[in-house]
Every structure is written in structure tokens, then in C-alpha cells.
Amino acid sequence: METPSPKIRSFEAFYPYYLQAHENPICRRLHVLGLIVAIVAVVYAVIAQNWWAFAIAPGFGYPCAWLGHAWFGKNVPATFGYPLYSFKAGIFMYRDMLIGKVPF
């Protein structure tokens, strides 16, 4: 499995690396599933005023993404080496998938 390069120092340098780590379409789809599950957990938390559900919402979404990397991408999630860049890159990748720049 690949590990993130410690030389990445900007988001502009990180995003192409992130996209390369997400070349597998099933891995990308599992990321989308994880995002949807996390959003549903957040919406539930707000509606039910269950703040524990809000606090653990990432715990519902991240396993989908991590399984995508382990089973299909055959690499280490970028979240482990670059958590903030990875979060931002995930949002950018979802946007790019919606507008057709990155295949679904």
C-alpha cells in the first residue's frame, strides 16, 4: 500500500495526489456513500436534537471511505497523513464529480 508523501506542503500540490489515490471508481463511490451517510447522521442529530449523533457522524462516513481504499484503491487513505487537506480535497472531489470533471 502507498503512504502519503511527507513533502506535500500546499493544498494545490495535495489535490492531484488525492485524485490519484482515488482513481478507482468504486473507491470514489464509497466516498460518496460515506458522505451521504454522514450527512444523514448530521440531519438526524439536528432534527432529533441528539448531539451524540452529531459528534459521531464522521464515524458513520469514514469507514465507507477507508474500506474503499483497503479493498479497491489498494492504498492508504490520505486522511491519515493529511487530515485537513484530505477533508477539503474530499469536498472538492465531490464537487468535481457533480460537475463532471471527475468521473462518478
Foldseek 3Di string as FASTA:
>chain_A
DDDDDPPDDDLVVVLVVQVLLVVFPQLLVLLVVLVVQLVVLCVCCVVVVPVVSPVCSNVSRVVSNQVSSVPPSVYGQCCVVDVVSSVVSNVVVVVCCVVVVRPD
